[in-house]
Amino acid sequence: MKESNIQLLKLLARRLERLNVDSLWARRASGTRGNIIKIVSEIEKGKEIDATRLAPLIKRAFEVLEHAAQEIPDIDEVKKKYNIKHLNE
């Protein structure tokens, strides 16, 4: 197993963990994150992981993160909606 794959899995797990609990995607993120943690744990215990397990999991993690990111409002639109010129005022 490449170290870069392990680092990517850990990064994805950390990002999935940080999703806002109010996000519609938080529950999906939790399941995906759990699977990632399980695989990383297996790798760290020296178990051989079938690469065919990784690709779909990594793809799913990125999909969840992309969808969650789309829920983040555009700050310029929020300012416009509430007629705010500067957030520090």
C-alpha atoms as a PDB file:
ATOM      1  CA  MET A   1       0.000   0.000   0.000  1.00  0.00           C
ATOM      2  CA  LYS A   2       1.398   3.374  -1.001  1.00  0.00           C
ATOM      3  CA  GLU A   3       1.954   5.861   1.814  1.00  0.00           C
ATOM      4  CA  SER A   4       0.280   8.518  -0.332  1.00  0.00           C
ATOM      5  CA  ASN A   5      -2.933   6.453  -0.401  1.00  0.00           C
ATOM      6  CA  ILE A   6      -2.884   6.104   3.366  1.00  0.00           C
ATOM      7  CA  GLN A   7      -2.340   9.851   3.788  1.00  0.00           C
ATOM      8  CA  LEU A   8      -5.190  10.584   1.364  1.00  0.00           C
ATOM      9  CA  LEU A   9      -7.539   8.302   3.301  1.00  0.00           C
ATOM     10  CA  LYS A  10      -6.623  10.004   6.584  1.00  0.00           C
ATOM     11  CA  LEU A  11      -7.125  13.447   5.032  1.00  0.00           C
ATOM     12  CA  LEU A  12     -10.534  12.451   3.687  1.00  0.00           C
ATOM     13  CA  ALA A  13     -11.557  11.065   7.086  1.00  0.00           C
ATOM     14  CA  ARG A  14     -10.582  14.343   8.778  1.00  0.00           C
ATOM     15  CA  ARG A  15     -12.481  16.403   6.213  1.00  0.00           C
ATOM     16  CA  LEU A  16     -15.589  14.239   6.484  1.00  0.00           C
ATOM     17  CA  GLU A  17     -15.476  14.565  10.264  1.00  0.00           C
ATOM     18  CA  ARG A  18     -15.551  18.358  10.026  1.00  0.00           C
ATOM     19  CA  LEU A  19     -18.818  18.584   8.102  1.00  0.00           C
ATOM     20  CA  ASN A  20     -21.491  20.593   9.835  1.00  0.00           C
ATOM     21  CA  VAL A  21     -23.964  18.333  11.619  1.00  0.00           C
ATOM     22  CA  ASP A  22     -26.759  20.371  10.044  1.00  0.00           C
ATOM     23  CA  SER A  23     -25.555  19.316   6.618  1.00  0.00           C
ATOM     24  CA  LEU A  24     -27.782  16.918   4.731  1.00  0.00           C
ATOM     25  CA  TRP A  25     -24.595  15.089   3.862  1.00  0.00           C
ATOM     26  CA  ALA A  26     -23.290  14.676   7.417  1.00  0.00           C
ATOM     27  CA  ARG A  27     -24.943  11.279   7.899  1.00  0.00           C
ATOM     28  CA  ARG A  28     -23.564   9.964   4.635  1.00  0.00           C
ATOM     29  CA  ALA A  29     -20.202  11.384   5.584  1.00  0.00           C
ATOM     30  CA  SER A  30     -20.306   9.483   8.851  1.00  0.00           C
ATOM     31  CA  GLY A  31     -20.726   6.122   7.148  1.00  0.00           C
ATOM     32  CA  THR A  32     -18.065   6.844   4.572  1.00  0.00           C
ATOM     33  CA  ARG A  33     -15.695   8.090   7.264  1.00  0.00           C
ATOM     34  CA  GLY A  34     -16.310   4.951   9.306  1.00  0.00           C
ATOM     35  CA  ASN A  35     -15.372   2.767   6.349  1.00  0.00           C
ATOM     36  CA  ILE A  36     -12.227   4.794   5.752  1.00  0.00           C
ATOM     37  CA  ILE A  37     -11.181   4.508   9.400  1.00  0.00           C
ATOM     38  CA  LYS A  38     -11.770   0.752   9.285  1.00  0.00           C
ATOM     39  CA  ILE A  39      -9.560   0.352   6.218  1.00  0.00           C
ATOM     40  CA  VAL A  40      -6.813   2.594   7.634  1.00  0.00           C
ATOM     41  CA  SER A  41      -6.888   0.537  10.831  1.00  0.00           C
ATOM     42  CA  GLU A  42      -6.534  -2.670   8.831  1.00  0.00           C
ATOM     43  CA  ILE A  43      -3.608  -1.194   6.892  1.00  0.00           C
ATOM     44  CA  GLU A  44      -1.892  -0.084  10.105  1.00  0.00           C
ATOM     45  CA  LYS A  45      -2.276  -3.606  11.498  1.00  0.00           C
ATOM     46  CA  GLY A  46      -0.396  -4.887   8.466  1.00  0.00           C
ATOM     47  CA  LYS A  47      -3.346  -6.434   6.670  1.00  0.00           C
ATOM     48  CA  GLU A  48      -3.228  -6.486   2.901  1.00  0.00           C
ATOM     49  CA  ILE A  49      -6.025  -4.387   1.444  1.00  0.00           C
ATOM     50  CA  ASP A  50      -7.488  -5.114  -1.956  1.00  0.00           C
ATOM     51  CA  ALA A  51      -7.049  -1.982  -4.073  1.00  0.00           C
ATOM     52  CA  THR A  52     -10.518  -2.491  -5.544  1.00  0.00           C
ATOM     53  CA  ARG A  53     -11.919  -1.507  -2.116  1.00  0.00           C
ATOM     54  CA  LEU A  54     -10.105   1.824  -2.106  1.00  0.00           C
ATOM     55  CA  ALA A  55     -11.101   3.424  -5.395  1.00  0.00           C
ATOM     56  CA  PRO A  56     -14.884   3.416  -4.800  1.00  0.00           C
ATOM     57  CA  LEU A  57     -14.432   4.563  -1.205  1.00  0.00           C
ATOM     58  CA  ILE A  58     -12.179   7.457  -2.169  1.00  0.00           C
ATOM     59  CA  LYS A  59     -14.564   8.401  -4.964  1.00  0.00           C
ATOM     60  CA  ARG A  60     -17.522   8.351  -2.563  1.00  0.00           C
ATOM     61  CA  ALA A  61     -15.663  10.485  -0.007  1.00  0.00           C
ATOM     62  CA  PHE A  62     -14.963  13.135  -2.628  1.00  0.00           C
ATOM     63  CA  GLU A  63     -18.594  13.030  -3.805  1.00  0.00           C
ATOM     64  CA  VAL A  64     -19.884  13.584  -0.265  1.00  0.00           C
ATOM     65  CA  LEU A  65     -17.452  16.464   0.270  1.00  0.00           C
ATOM     66  CA  GLU A  66     -18.436  18.042  -3.040  1.00  0.00           C
ATOM     67  CA  HIS A  67     -22.146  17.868  -2.212  1.00  0.00           C
ATOM     68  CA  ALA A  68     -21.572  19.234   1.284  1.00  0.00           C
ATOM     69  CA  ALA A  69     -19.529  22.102  -0.154  1.00  0.00           C
ATOM     70  CA  GLN A  70     -22.427  23.011  -2.429  1.00  0.00           C
ATOM     71  CA  GLU A  71     -24.545  23.605   0.678  1.00  0.00           C
ATOM     72  CA  ILE A  72     -22.212  26.371   1.842  1.00  0.00           C
ATOM     73  CA  PRO A  73     -23.822  29.686   0.976  1.00  0.00           C
ATOM     74  CA  ASP A  74     -22.037  32.221  -1.187  1.00  0.00           C
ATOM     75  CA  ILE A  75     -20.906  34.963   1.207  1.00  0.00           C
ATOM     76  CA  ASP A  76     -21.558  37.667  -1.378  1.00  0.00           C
ATOM     77  CA  GLU A  77     -25.148  36.483  -1.762  1.00  0.00           C
ATOM     78  CA  VAL A  78     -25.621  36.477   2.020  1.00  0.00           C
ATOM     79  CA  LYS A  79     -24.253  40.017   2.271  1.00  0.00           C
ATOM     80  CA  LYS A  80     -26.530  41.135  -0.541  1.00  0.00           C
ATOM     81  CA  LYS A  81     -29.573  39.472   1.015  1.00  0.00           C
ATOM     82  CA  TYR A  82     -29.042  41.201   4.356  1.00  0.00           C
ATOM     83  CA  ASN A  83     -27.694  44.425   2.856  1.00  0.00           C
ATOM     84  CA  ILE A  84     -24.307  44.083   4.584  1.00  0.00           C
ATOM     85  CA  LYS A  85     -21.374  46.026   3.172  1.00  0.00           C
ATOM     86  CA  HIS A  86     -18.715  44.743   5.573  1.00  0.00           C
ATOM     87  CA  LEU A  87     -18.982  41.818   7.949  1.00  0.00           C
ATOM     88  CA  ASN A  88     -16.858  43.598  10.552  1.00  0.00           C
ATOM     89  CA  GLU A  89     -19.335  46.433  11.040  1.00  0.00           C
END
